[in-house]
N, C-alpha and C. Protein backbone atom coordinates (compact mmCIF):
# COMPACT_ATOMS: atom_id res chain seq x y z
N MET A 1 7.80 -17.67 12.80
CA MET A 1 8.73 -17.46 11.74
C MET A 1 10.10 -17.90 12.20
N GLY A 2 10.76 -18.68 11.39
CA GLY A 2 12.12 -19.19 11.71
C GLY A 2 13.08 -18.04 11.79
N THR A 3 14.16 -18.28 12.57
CA THR A 3 15.18 -17.26 12.77
C THR A 3 15.87 -16.88 11.44
N ASP A 4 16.11 -17.90 10.57
CA ASP A 4 16.73 -17.62 9.30
C ASP A 4 15.83 -16.69 8.45
N LEU A 5 14.55 -17.03 8.41
CA LEU A 5 13.63 -16.18 7.62
C LEU A 5 13.54 -14.80 8.20
N ALA A 6 13.52 -14.66 9.51
CA ALA A 6 13.47 -13.33 10.17
C ALA A 6 14.70 -12.54 9.79
N VAL A 7 15.85 -13.15 9.83
CA VAL A 7 17.10 -12.45 9.46
C VAL A 7 17.05 -12.05 7.98
N ARG A 8 16.61 -12.91 7.10
CA ARG A 8 16.52 -12.58 5.67
C ARG A 8 15.54 -11.45 5.44
N LYS A 9 14.42 -11.45 6.13
CA LYS A 9 13.45 -10.36 5.98
C LYS A 9 14.04 -9.04 6.47
N ALA A 10 14.73 -9.04 7.60
CA ALA A 10 15.34 -7.84 8.12
C ALA A 10 16.36 -7.30 7.16
N GLU A 11 17.18 -8.15 6.60
CA GLU A 11 18.19 -7.72 5.62
C GLU A 11 17.56 -7.17 4.34
N ALA A 12 16.50 -7.83 3.87
CA ALA A 12 15.80 -7.38 2.68
C ALA A 12 15.16 -6.01 2.90
N ARG A 13 14.58 -5.83 4.09
CA ARG A 13 13.96 -4.54 4.42
C ARG A 13 15.02 -3.45 4.46
N LYS A 14 16.13 -3.70 5.10
CA LYS A 14 17.21 -2.70 5.24
C LYS A 14 17.67 -2.27 3.84
N ALA A 15 17.90 -3.18 2.96
CA ALA A 15 18.37 -2.89 1.58
C ALA A 15 17.30 -2.13 0.82
N ALA A 16 16.03 -2.55 0.96
CA ALA A 16 14.94 -1.91 0.26
C ALA A 16 14.69 -0.47 0.76
N PHE A 17 14.81 -0.30 2.08
CA PHE A 17 14.67 1.09 2.61
C PHE A 17 15.70 2.00 2.02
N ALA A 18 16.92 1.54 1.89
CA ALA A 18 17.99 2.39 1.33
C ALA A 18 17.70 2.70 -0.13
N ARG A 19 17.26 1.72 -0.92
CA ARG A 19 16.90 1.99 -2.33
C ARG A 19 15.70 2.94 -2.41
N ARG A 20 14.71 2.78 -1.53
CA ARG A 20 13.54 3.64 -1.53
C ARG A 20 13.92 5.08 -1.20
N LYS A 21 14.79 5.24 -0.21
CA LYS A 21 15.24 6.59 0.20
C LYS A 21 15.89 7.30 -0.99
N ALA A 22 16.76 6.57 -1.73
CA ALA A 22 17.45 7.17 -2.87
C ALA A 22 16.45 7.52 -3.96
N ALA A 23 15.49 6.63 -4.21
CA ALA A 23 14.47 6.89 -5.26
C ALA A 23 13.59 8.05 -4.87
N HIS A 24 13.24 8.16 -3.61
CA HIS A 24 12.42 9.28 -3.12
C HIS A 24 13.12 10.59 -3.35
N ALA A 25 14.44 10.60 -3.11
CA ALA A 25 15.24 11.82 -3.29
C ALA A 25 15.29 12.25 -4.75
N GLU A 26 15.13 11.28 -5.65
CA GLU A 26 15.15 11.61 -7.10
C GLU A 26 13.87 12.28 -7.54
N GLY A 27 12.78 12.18 -6.72
CA GLY A 27 11.58 12.90 -7.02
C GLY A 27 10.73 12.43 -8.16
N GLN A 28 10.59 11.11 -8.31
CA GLN A 28 9.78 10.54 -9.39
C GLN A 28 8.35 10.18 -8.92
N GLY A 29 8.00 10.59 -7.71
CA GLY A 29 6.70 10.21 -7.17
C GLY A 29 5.51 10.71 -7.96
N ALA A 30 5.61 11.91 -8.56
CA ALA A 30 4.50 12.48 -9.34
C ALA A 30 4.22 11.62 -10.57
N VAL A 31 5.30 11.09 -11.20
CA VAL A 31 5.13 10.28 -12.36
C VAL A 31 4.41 8.97 -11.95
N GLY A 32 4.82 8.40 -10.82
CA GLY A 32 4.17 7.21 -10.27
C GLY A 32 2.71 7.46 -9.98
N ALA A 33 2.37 8.57 -9.41
CA ALA A 33 0.98 8.89 -9.08
C ALA A 33 0.16 9.01 -10.33
N ALA A 34 0.72 9.52 -11.42
CA ALA A 34 -0.03 9.62 -12.70
C ALA A 34 -0.31 8.21 -13.24
N ARG A 35 0.64 7.33 -13.14
CA ARG A 35 0.44 5.96 -13.56
C ARG A 35 -0.64 5.26 -12.72
N LEU A 36 -0.55 5.53 -11.40
CA LEU A 36 -1.56 4.98 -10.47
C LEU A 36 -2.97 5.42 -10.85
N LEU A 37 -3.13 6.72 -11.15
CA LEU A 37 -4.42 7.26 -11.52
C LEU A 37 -4.91 6.53 -12.80
N GLU A 38 -4.03 6.36 -13.75
CA GLU A 38 -4.43 5.66 -15.00
C GLU A 38 -4.97 4.27 -14.71
N LEU A 39 -4.39 3.57 -13.75
CA LEU A 39 -4.91 2.24 -13.40
C LEU A 39 -6.25 2.36 -12.61
N LEU A 40 -6.33 3.37 -11.76
CA LEU A 40 -7.52 3.44 -10.90
C LEU A 40 -8.77 3.94 -11.63
N GLU A 41 -8.63 4.71 -12.68
CA GLU A 41 -9.81 5.32 -13.28
C GLU A 41 -10.91 4.36 -13.64
N PRO A 42 -10.64 3.16 -14.20
CA PRO A 42 -11.76 2.20 -14.44
C PRO A 42 -12.48 1.75 -13.16
N TYR A 43 -11.91 1.96 -11.99
CA TYR A 43 -12.56 1.59 -10.74
C TYR A 43 -13.36 2.71 -10.11
N GLY A 44 -13.57 3.79 -10.86
CA GLY A 44 -14.39 4.91 -10.37
C GLY A 44 -15.71 4.42 -9.93
N GLY A 45 -16.19 4.95 -8.79
CA GLY A 45 -17.47 4.53 -8.22
C GLY A 45 -17.33 3.45 -7.15
N LYS A 46 -16.17 2.86 -7.07
CA LYS A 46 -15.93 1.82 -6.04
C LYS A 46 -15.27 2.50 -4.83
N THR A 47 -15.31 1.77 -3.70
CA THR A 47 -14.59 2.25 -2.49
C THR A 47 -13.16 1.81 -2.63
N ILE A 48 -12.28 2.79 -2.58
CA ILE A 48 -10.82 2.58 -2.75
C ILE A 48 -10.07 2.97 -1.54
N SER A 49 -9.13 2.12 -1.10
CA SER A 49 -8.21 2.50 -0.02
C SER A 49 -6.92 2.98 -0.58
N GLY A 50 -6.53 4.12 -0.12
CA GLY A 50 -5.18 4.66 -0.44
C GLY A 50 -4.39 4.55 0.86
N PHE A 51 -3.41 5.38 0.96
CA PHE A 51 -2.64 5.51 2.22
C PHE A 51 -1.98 6.84 2.26
N LEU A 52 -1.75 7.32 3.49
CA LEU A 52 -1.06 8.58 3.67
C LEU A 52 0.38 8.25 3.95
N PRO A 53 1.30 8.68 3.04
CA PRO A 53 2.68 8.21 3.12
C PRO A 53 3.44 8.62 4.35
N ILE A 54 4.29 7.71 4.76
CA ILE A 54 5.20 8.00 5.88
C ILE A 54 6.65 7.92 5.39
N ARG A 55 7.54 8.70 5.98
CA ARG A 55 8.93 8.70 5.62
C ARG A 55 9.13 8.86 4.14
N THR A 56 9.75 7.93 3.52
CA THR A 56 10.11 8.03 2.08
C THR A 56 9.18 7.20 1.13
N GLU A 57 7.96 6.87 1.62
CA GLU A 57 7.05 6.18 0.77
C GLU A 57 6.63 7.05 -0.41
N ILE A 58 6.39 6.41 -1.55
CA ILE A 58 5.85 7.09 -2.68
C ILE A 58 4.43 7.62 -2.32
N ASP A 59 4.07 8.76 -2.85
CA ASP A 59 2.86 9.46 -2.42
C ASP A 59 1.71 9.19 -3.37
N PRO A 60 0.65 8.50 -2.91
CA PRO A 60 -0.52 8.28 -3.77
C PRO A 60 -1.57 9.35 -3.73
N ARG A 61 -1.36 10.36 -2.86
CA ARG A 61 -2.40 11.38 -2.68
C ARG A 61 -2.88 12.09 -3.92
N PRO A 62 -2.01 12.40 -4.92
CA PRO A 62 -2.55 13.05 -6.13
C PRO A 62 -3.59 12.17 -6.82
N ALA A 63 -3.34 10.88 -6.89
CA ALA A 63 -4.31 9.98 -7.50
C ALA A 63 -5.55 9.84 -6.62
N MET A 64 -5.36 9.76 -5.29
CA MET A 64 -6.47 9.64 -4.38
C MET A 64 -7.38 10.89 -4.49
N THR A 65 -6.77 12.06 -4.60
CA THR A 65 -7.54 13.30 -4.70
C THR A 65 -8.44 13.32 -5.95
N LYS A 66 -7.84 12.92 -7.07
CA LYS A 66 -8.64 12.86 -8.32
C LYS A 66 -9.74 11.82 -8.21
N MET A 67 -9.41 10.64 -7.66
CA MET A 67 -10.42 9.62 -7.57
C MET A 67 -11.55 9.96 -6.60
N ALA A 68 -11.32 10.86 -5.66
CA ALA A 68 -12.29 11.25 -4.66
C ALA A 68 -13.47 11.99 -5.38
N GLU A 69 -13.31 12.40 -6.61
CA GLU A 69 -14.37 13.04 -7.39
C GLU A 69 -15.45 12.03 -7.71
N SER A 70 -15.11 10.73 -7.81
CA SER A 70 -16.05 9.74 -8.28
C SER A 70 -16.20 8.53 -7.36
N SER A 71 -15.34 8.46 -6.32
CA SER A 71 -15.30 7.28 -5.45
C SER A 71 -15.18 7.65 -3.99
N PHE A 72 -15.51 6.72 -3.11
CA PHE A 72 -15.22 6.88 -1.74
C PHE A 72 -13.78 6.48 -1.53
N ILE A 73 -12.96 7.29 -0.91
CA ILE A 73 -11.56 7.00 -0.68
C ILE A 73 -11.40 6.82 0.84
N THR A 74 -10.68 5.73 1.20
CA THR A 74 -10.42 5.44 2.59
C THR A 74 -8.92 5.36 2.79
N VAL A 75 -8.51 5.41 4.04
CA VAL A 75 -7.12 5.16 4.45
C VAL A 75 -7.13 4.15 5.58
N PRO A 76 -6.06 3.38 5.70
CA PRO A 76 -6.02 2.33 6.77
C PRO A 76 -5.87 2.91 8.18
N VAL A 77 -6.51 2.21 9.11
CA VAL A 77 -6.43 2.53 10.50
C VAL A 77 -6.00 1.22 11.20
N ILE A 78 -4.91 1.31 11.96
CA ILE A 78 -4.40 0.16 12.74
C ILE A 78 -5.06 0.23 14.07
N GLU A 79 -5.78 -0.85 14.43
CA GLU A 79 -6.47 -0.88 15.73
C GLU A 79 -5.64 -1.64 16.76
N GLY A 80 -4.75 -2.46 16.35
CA GLY A 80 -3.91 -3.21 17.32
C GLY A 80 -3.14 -4.36 16.65
N ALA A 81 -2.12 -4.78 17.33
CA ALA A 81 -1.29 -5.89 16.80
C ALA A 81 -2.12 -7.10 16.58
N GLY A 82 -1.88 -7.78 15.47
CA GLY A 82 -2.55 -9.04 15.16
C GLY A 82 -3.94 -8.87 14.59
N LEU A 83 -4.43 -7.62 14.45
CA LEU A 83 -5.75 -7.39 13.94
C LEU A 83 -5.68 -6.94 12.45
N PRO A 84 -6.74 -7.21 11.70
CA PRO A 84 -6.78 -6.67 10.32
C PRO A 84 -7.00 -5.16 10.39
N LEU A 85 -6.70 -4.44 9.33
CA LEU A 85 -6.91 -3.03 9.28
C LEU A 85 -8.41 -2.71 9.14
N LYS A 86 -8.78 -1.50 9.63
CA LYS A 86 -10.06 -0.92 9.31
C LYS A 86 -9.75 0.25 8.35
N PHE A 87 -10.73 0.79 7.71
CA PHE A 87 -10.53 1.81 6.74
C PHE A 87 -11.53 2.97 6.96
N SER A 88 -10.95 4.16 7.18
CA SER A 88 -11.78 5.34 7.45
C SER A 88 -11.80 6.25 6.22
N GLN A 89 -12.97 6.79 5.95
CA GLN A 89 -13.12 7.64 4.77
C GLN A 89 -12.20 8.88 4.86
N TRP A 90 -11.52 9.11 3.77
CA TRP A 90 -10.64 10.30 3.63
C TRP A 90 -11.14 11.16 2.48
N THR A 91 -11.11 12.45 2.68
CA THR A 91 -11.41 13.43 1.61
C THR A 91 -10.26 14.44 1.59
N PRO A 92 -9.98 14.97 0.40
CA PRO A 92 -8.91 15.97 0.30
C PRO A 92 -9.17 17.10 1.30
N GLY A 93 -8.18 17.40 2.11
CA GLY A 93 -8.28 18.51 3.06
C GLY A 93 -8.97 18.13 4.37
N CYS A 94 -9.34 16.91 4.58
CA CYS A 94 -10.05 16.54 5.85
C CYS A 94 -9.05 16.67 7.02
N ALA A 95 -9.61 16.90 8.20
CA ALA A 95 -8.77 17.00 9.39
C ALA A 95 -8.15 15.63 9.71
N LEU A 96 -6.86 15.65 10.00
CA LEU A 96 -6.13 14.43 10.28
C LEU A 96 -5.51 14.46 11.68
N ILE A 97 -5.33 13.26 12.24
CA ILE A 97 -4.65 13.14 13.54
C ILE A 97 -3.57 12.07 13.37
N ASP A 98 -2.63 12.05 14.33
CA ASP A 98 -1.60 11.02 14.27
C ASP A 98 -2.16 9.70 14.68
N GLY A 99 -1.86 8.66 13.86
CA GLY A 99 -2.23 7.29 14.25
C GLY A 99 -0.96 6.50 14.59
N PRO A 100 -1.15 5.18 14.79
CA PRO A 100 0.04 4.37 15.09
C PRO A 100 1.08 4.37 13.94
N PHE A 101 2.34 4.22 14.31
CA PHE A 101 3.46 4.10 13.39
C PHE A 101 3.72 5.34 12.58
N GLY A 102 3.21 6.48 13.02
CA GLY A 102 3.46 7.75 12.37
C GLY A 102 2.59 8.08 11.17
N ALA A 103 1.62 7.18 10.85
CA ALA A 103 0.73 7.45 9.76
C ALA A 103 -0.47 8.27 10.28
N GLN A 104 -0.85 9.22 9.46
CA GLN A 104 -2.03 10.01 9.87
C GLN A 104 -3.33 9.33 9.47
N ILE A 105 -4.37 9.60 10.21
CA ILE A 105 -5.70 9.04 9.95
C ILE A 105 -6.72 10.19 10.07
N PRO A 106 -7.88 10.03 9.44
CA PRO A 106 -8.90 11.09 9.56
C PRO A 106 -9.31 11.28 11.03
N ALA A 107 -9.48 12.55 11.42
CA ALA A 107 -9.88 12.85 12.78
C ALA A 107 -11.26 12.30 13.12
N GLU A 108 -12.13 12.30 12.16
CA GLU A 108 -13.47 11.78 12.28
C GLU A 108 -13.52 10.42 11.59
N ALA A 109 -13.72 9.35 12.33
CA ALA A 109 -13.73 8.03 11.78
C ALA A 109 -15.05 7.71 11.12
N ARG A 110 -15.04 7.40 9.84
CA ARG A 110 -16.24 6.89 9.09
C ARG A 110 -15.76 5.67 8.35
N TYR A 111 -16.05 4.47 8.91
CA TYR A 111 -15.46 3.25 8.34
C TYR A 111 -16.26 2.70 7.17
N LEU A 112 -15.48 2.32 6.18
CA LEU A 112 -16.02 1.69 4.95
C LEU A 112 -15.10 0.51 4.60
N GLU A 113 -15.61 -0.43 3.83
CA GLU A 113 -14.76 -1.55 3.36
C GLU A 113 -14.40 -1.32 1.91
N PRO A 114 -13.12 -1.24 1.62
CA PRO A 114 -12.67 -1.02 0.22
C PRO A 114 -12.79 -2.29 -0.66
N GLU A 115 -12.97 -2.05 -1.91
CA GLU A 115 -12.92 -3.12 -2.91
C GLU A 115 -11.59 -3.13 -3.66
N VAL A 116 -10.94 -1.96 -3.62
CA VAL A 116 -9.65 -1.78 -4.27
C VAL A 116 -8.72 -1.16 -3.21
N LEU A 117 -7.53 -1.78 -3.01
CA LEU A 117 -6.59 -1.29 -2.03
C LEU A 117 -5.27 -0.90 -2.71
N ILE A 118 -4.83 0.33 -2.52
CA ILE A 118 -3.46 0.76 -2.86
C ILE A 118 -2.60 0.36 -1.69
N VAL A 119 -1.66 -0.53 -1.89
CA VAL A 119 -0.90 -1.09 -0.78
C VAL A 119 0.49 -0.55 -0.71
N PRO A 120 0.89 0.04 0.41
CA PRO A 120 2.28 0.49 0.55
C PRO A 120 3.16 -0.75 0.76
N LEU A 121 4.42 -0.67 0.48
CA LEU A 121 5.29 -1.80 0.64
C LEU A 121 6.73 -1.37 0.81
N VAL A 122 7.55 -2.28 1.23
CA VAL A 122 8.97 -2.07 1.34
C VAL A 122 9.72 -2.55 0.08
N ALA A 123 9.28 -3.74 -0.37
CA ALA A 123 9.88 -4.31 -1.59
C ALA A 123 8.82 -5.16 -2.29
N PHE A 124 9.06 -5.42 -3.59
CA PHE A 124 8.15 -6.28 -4.39
C PHE A 124 8.96 -7.06 -5.38
N ASP A 125 8.34 -8.09 -5.94
CA ASP A 125 8.97 -8.83 -7.01
C ASP A 125 8.10 -8.91 -8.24
N ARG A 126 8.55 -9.53 -9.30
CA ARG A 126 7.84 -9.56 -10.58
C ARG A 126 6.74 -10.62 -10.63
N THR A 127 6.51 -11.32 -9.52
CA THR A 127 5.42 -12.31 -9.49
C THR A 127 4.26 -11.90 -8.59
N GLY A 128 4.25 -10.65 -8.13
CA GLY A 128 3.13 -10.15 -7.31
C GLY A 128 3.29 -10.27 -5.86
N ASN A 129 4.50 -10.58 -5.40
CA ASN A 129 4.75 -10.67 -3.97
C ASN A 129 5.26 -9.32 -3.43
N ARG A 130 5.00 -9.11 -2.11
CA ARG A 130 5.46 -7.87 -1.51
C ARG A 130 6.07 -8.19 -0.16
N LEU A 131 6.97 -7.32 0.26
CA LEU A 131 7.49 -7.38 1.58
C LEU A 131 7.03 -6.10 2.27
N GLY A 132 6.31 -6.26 3.36
CA GLY A 132 5.79 -5.11 4.10
C GLY A 132 6.71 -4.74 5.25
N TYR A 133 6.13 -4.09 6.22
CA TYR A 133 6.91 -3.63 7.40
C TYR A 133 7.06 -4.72 8.46
N GLY A 134 6.31 -5.77 8.34
CA GLY A 134 6.48 -6.91 9.26
C GLY A 134 5.36 -7.12 10.24
N GLY A 135 4.31 -6.30 10.18
CA GLY A 135 3.19 -6.47 11.11
C GLY A 135 2.11 -7.40 10.58
N GLY A 136 2.15 -7.72 9.28
CA GLY A 136 1.15 -8.59 8.71
C GLY A 136 -0.22 -7.98 8.51
N PHE A 137 -0.37 -6.68 8.71
CA PHE A 137 -1.61 -6.02 8.66
C PHE A 137 -2.35 -6.19 7.31
N TYR A 138 -1.61 -5.90 6.22
CA TYR A 138 -2.27 -6.05 4.91
C TYR A 138 -2.56 -7.52 4.53
N ASP A 139 -1.66 -8.41 4.94
CA ASP A 139 -1.90 -9.84 4.62
C ASP A 139 -3.21 -10.29 5.32
N ARG A 140 -3.36 -10.00 6.60
CA ARG A 140 -4.60 -10.39 7.31
C ARG A 140 -5.84 -9.71 6.69
N THR A 141 -5.67 -8.45 6.35
CA THR A 141 -6.78 -7.69 5.82
C THR A 141 -7.16 -8.20 4.44
N LEU A 142 -6.21 -8.40 3.57
CA LEU A 142 -6.57 -8.88 2.23
C LEU A 142 -7.18 -10.32 2.30
N GLU A 143 -6.67 -11.14 3.15
CA GLU A 143 -7.23 -12.49 3.32
C GLU A 143 -8.70 -12.40 3.73
N ARG A 144 -8.99 -11.51 4.69
CA ARG A 144 -10.39 -11.32 5.18
C ARG A 144 -11.28 -10.79 4.08
N LEU A 145 -10.82 -9.75 3.43
CA LEU A 145 -11.67 -9.11 2.39
C LEU A 145 -11.87 -10.05 1.19
N ARG A 146 -10.84 -10.78 0.80
CA ARG A 146 -10.94 -11.67 -0.36
C ARG A 146 -11.85 -12.88 -0.05
N ALA A 147 -12.04 -13.21 1.24
CA ALA A 147 -12.94 -14.27 1.58
C ALA A 147 -14.42 -13.81 1.43
N ILE A 148 -14.61 -12.49 1.42
CA ILE A 148 -15.99 -11.91 1.30
C ILE A 148 -16.34 -11.64 -0.17
N ARG A 149 -15.37 -11.08 -0.91
CA ARG A 149 -15.65 -10.73 -2.32
C ARG A 149 -14.33 -10.43 -3.03
N LYS A 150 -14.45 -10.26 -4.32
CA LYS A 150 -13.24 -9.93 -5.13
C LYS A 150 -12.67 -8.63 -4.60
N THR A 151 -11.40 -8.64 -4.29
CA THR A 151 -10.72 -7.46 -3.76
C THR A 151 -9.41 -7.33 -4.55
N ILE A 152 -9.17 -6.14 -5.06
CA ILE A 152 -7.99 -5.84 -5.89
C ILE A 152 -6.93 -5.20 -5.01
N ALA A 153 -5.69 -5.73 -5.07
CA ALA A 153 -4.62 -5.16 -4.32
C ALA A 153 -3.56 -4.63 -5.27
N ILE A 154 -3.26 -3.31 -5.18
CA ILE A 154 -2.36 -2.62 -6.08
C ILE A 154 -1.14 -2.17 -5.23
N GLY A 155 -0.02 -2.78 -5.48
CA GLY A 155 1.21 -2.32 -4.81
C GLY A 155 1.71 -1.05 -5.46
N PHE A 156 2.06 -0.05 -4.66
CA PHE A 156 2.48 1.22 -5.21
C PHE A 156 3.89 1.53 -4.60
N ALA A 157 4.85 1.66 -5.50
CA ALA A 157 6.23 1.79 -5.04
C ALA A 157 7.13 2.42 -6.08
N PHE A 158 8.33 2.77 -5.69
CA PHE A 158 9.35 3.19 -6.70
C PHE A 158 9.88 1.92 -7.31
N SER A 159 10.29 1.98 -8.57
CA SER A 159 10.84 0.82 -9.27
C SER A 159 12.09 0.30 -8.57
N ALA A 160 12.79 1.16 -7.90
CA ALA A 160 14.03 0.76 -7.14
C ALA A 160 13.75 -0.21 -6.04
N GLN A 161 12.48 -0.34 -5.67
CA GLN A 161 12.08 -1.24 -4.54
C GLN A 161 11.96 -2.70 -5.03
N GLU A 162 12.16 -2.93 -6.28
CA GLU A 162 12.02 -4.29 -6.82
C GLU A 162 13.15 -5.16 -6.31
N ASP A 163 12.80 -6.36 -5.85
CA ASP A 163 13.78 -7.37 -5.33
C ASP A 163 13.30 -8.74 -5.72
N ASN A 164 14.04 -9.38 -6.57
CA ASN A 164 13.58 -10.68 -7.04
C ASN A 164 14.01 -11.84 -6.19
N ASP A 165 14.42 -11.57 -4.97
CA ASP A 165 14.76 -12.62 -4.03
C ASP A 165 14.11 -12.35 -2.68
N LEU A 166 12.79 -12.15 -2.68
CA LEU A 166 12.09 -11.78 -1.45
C LEU A 166 11.92 -13.00 -0.58
N PRO A 167 12.15 -12.89 0.71
CA PRO A 167 11.82 -13.97 1.67
C PRO A 167 10.31 -13.97 1.91
N LEU A 168 9.65 -15.09 1.61
CA LEU A 168 8.23 -15.12 1.63
C LEU A 168 7.74 -16.14 2.66
N GLU A 169 6.45 -15.98 3.04
CA GLU A 169 5.76 -16.90 3.94
C GLU A 169 4.41 -17.29 3.23
N GLU A 170 3.86 -18.42 3.69
CA GLU A 170 2.62 -18.93 3.14
C GLU A 170 1.45 -17.98 3.33
N THR A 171 1.55 -17.17 4.39
CA THR A 171 0.43 -16.24 4.72
C THR A 171 0.48 -14.95 3.89
N ASP A 172 1.53 -14.78 3.10
CA ASP A 172 1.66 -13.50 2.31
C ASP A 172 0.58 -13.49 1.24
N GLN A 173 -0.14 -12.37 1.15
CA GLN A 173 -1.19 -12.23 0.15
C GLN A 173 -0.63 -11.57 -1.13
N PRO A 174 -0.90 -12.15 -2.27
CA PRO A 174 -0.34 -11.62 -3.53
C PRO A 174 -1.02 -10.32 -3.95
N LEU A 175 -0.27 -9.55 -4.73
CA LEU A 175 -0.78 -8.31 -5.34
C LEU A 175 -1.39 -8.67 -6.69
N ASP A 176 -2.33 -7.83 -7.16
CA ASP A 176 -2.88 -7.96 -8.49
C ASP A 176 -2.12 -7.09 -9.51
N PHE A 177 -1.56 -6.02 -9.00
CA PHE A 177 -0.81 -5.06 -9.84
C PHE A 177 0.34 -4.48 -9.01
N ILE A 178 1.36 -4.03 -9.69
CA ILE A 178 2.39 -3.14 -9.13
C ILE A 178 2.43 -1.92 -10.00
N VAL A 179 2.42 -0.74 -9.41
CA VAL A 179 2.50 0.49 -10.14
C VAL A 179 3.78 1.19 -9.64
N THR A 180 4.65 1.60 -10.54
CA THR A 180 5.86 2.37 -10.22
C THR A 180 5.88 3.56 -11.15
N GLU A 181 6.91 4.40 -11.00
CA GLU A 181 7.08 5.54 -11.86
C GLU A 181 7.41 5.11 -13.29
N LYS A 182 7.80 3.88 -13.50
CA LYS A 182 8.17 3.36 -14.83
C LYS A 182 7.09 2.56 -15.50
N GLU A 183 6.20 1.84 -14.74
CA GLU A 183 5.31 0.93 -15.40
C GLU A 183 4.19 0.49 -14.51
N ILE A 184 3.21 -0.15 -15.14
CA ILE A 184 2.13 -0.85 -14.45
C ILE A 184 2.31 -2.32 -14.82
N VAL A 185 2.46 -3.19 -13.81
CA VAL A 185 2.59 -4.60 -14.01
C VAL A 185 1.39 -5.31 -13.46
N ARG A 186 0.73 -6.15 -14.34
CA ARG A 186 -0.40 -6.91 -13.92
C ARG A 186 0.02 -8.39 -13.69
N PHE A 187 -0.56 -8.95 -12.66
CA PHE A 187 -0.20 -10.36 -12.33
C PHE A 187 -1.42 -11.26 -12.61
């Protein structure tokens, strides 16, 4: 990655983190989770990956909990730098342990491959692009899964995380949807 692109990404992340922190403090996450559930319901019966939020991320657990009644729910597990994610089955109330980067993971690993992924992000735009934390984990993972079968990627964020001038790379994997507390956007 060129130095200019790295600087632009760092600046975009810093600005997005500040907007996300303010949105998180406003407490609109429950509204976002209700919208997320609305989008997920037609995917009942499929294996779905959610995520366990860190810091000021919007919380998908209310939607994950409801979908666990009809679907296998997984959460991402980081195995190492440069590797795609693995996904361990999560159930409401299951025992959790600390994983890399402060995210919790199920204490008992039961790996499944999701067909639908709820993707955390730092920023997004109106054309289905996302800016992540910089490790490339979701980009590598989506590329691998999409080479095998149709895989749906749903970005889940606060509307304040929108940024229509994202610094992008050719390896960035597009989202199929963005869900915020205000709307569901299909790409």
